[in-house]
Amino acid sequence: QVQLVESGGGVVQAGGSLSLSCAVSGRTFSYYAMGWFRQAPEKEREFVAAIRWSGGSTDYADSVKGRFTISRDTAKNMLYLQMNSLKSEDTAVYYCAAVPLSNFMSVATMRLRGADYWGQGTQVTVSS
């Protein structure tokens, strides 16, 4: 079983920065992709970013490219999302996520197929 626990959400002014963290545990993640999704009020959950746990290749939603950076620390089993130049439309509950990913699969798998495991979510509010 995979456990994902997010932290780091909060309130920030537009144009500011915020960093999210996710502690991952439960198994070996060599063949997994980890990532972030978000869900704004009355909207569907949407993909934000993903990273291949082994190798570190990344994938981003067009709406966050150039502003958000996903990273991981495999020694600490931690996943991060650095969010810069935040906009009011970034306001949402952010979820840490995981999906099995073989060497033959693209890191875009998470964006295309979603995730199998989810954290409980952390609120990010960007005030204008």
Foldseek 3Di string as FASTA:
>chain_A
DKAKAKDWADEAAAQAKTKMKIAIDDDDQQQKKKAKWWDDPPGDIAGAKIFRLPPTDMDGDPVQPPFKDWDADNVRRMIMIIGGNDDQVVWTWMKMFMAGHHPVGDRCCCNVPNGDDIYPTDTHGYHD
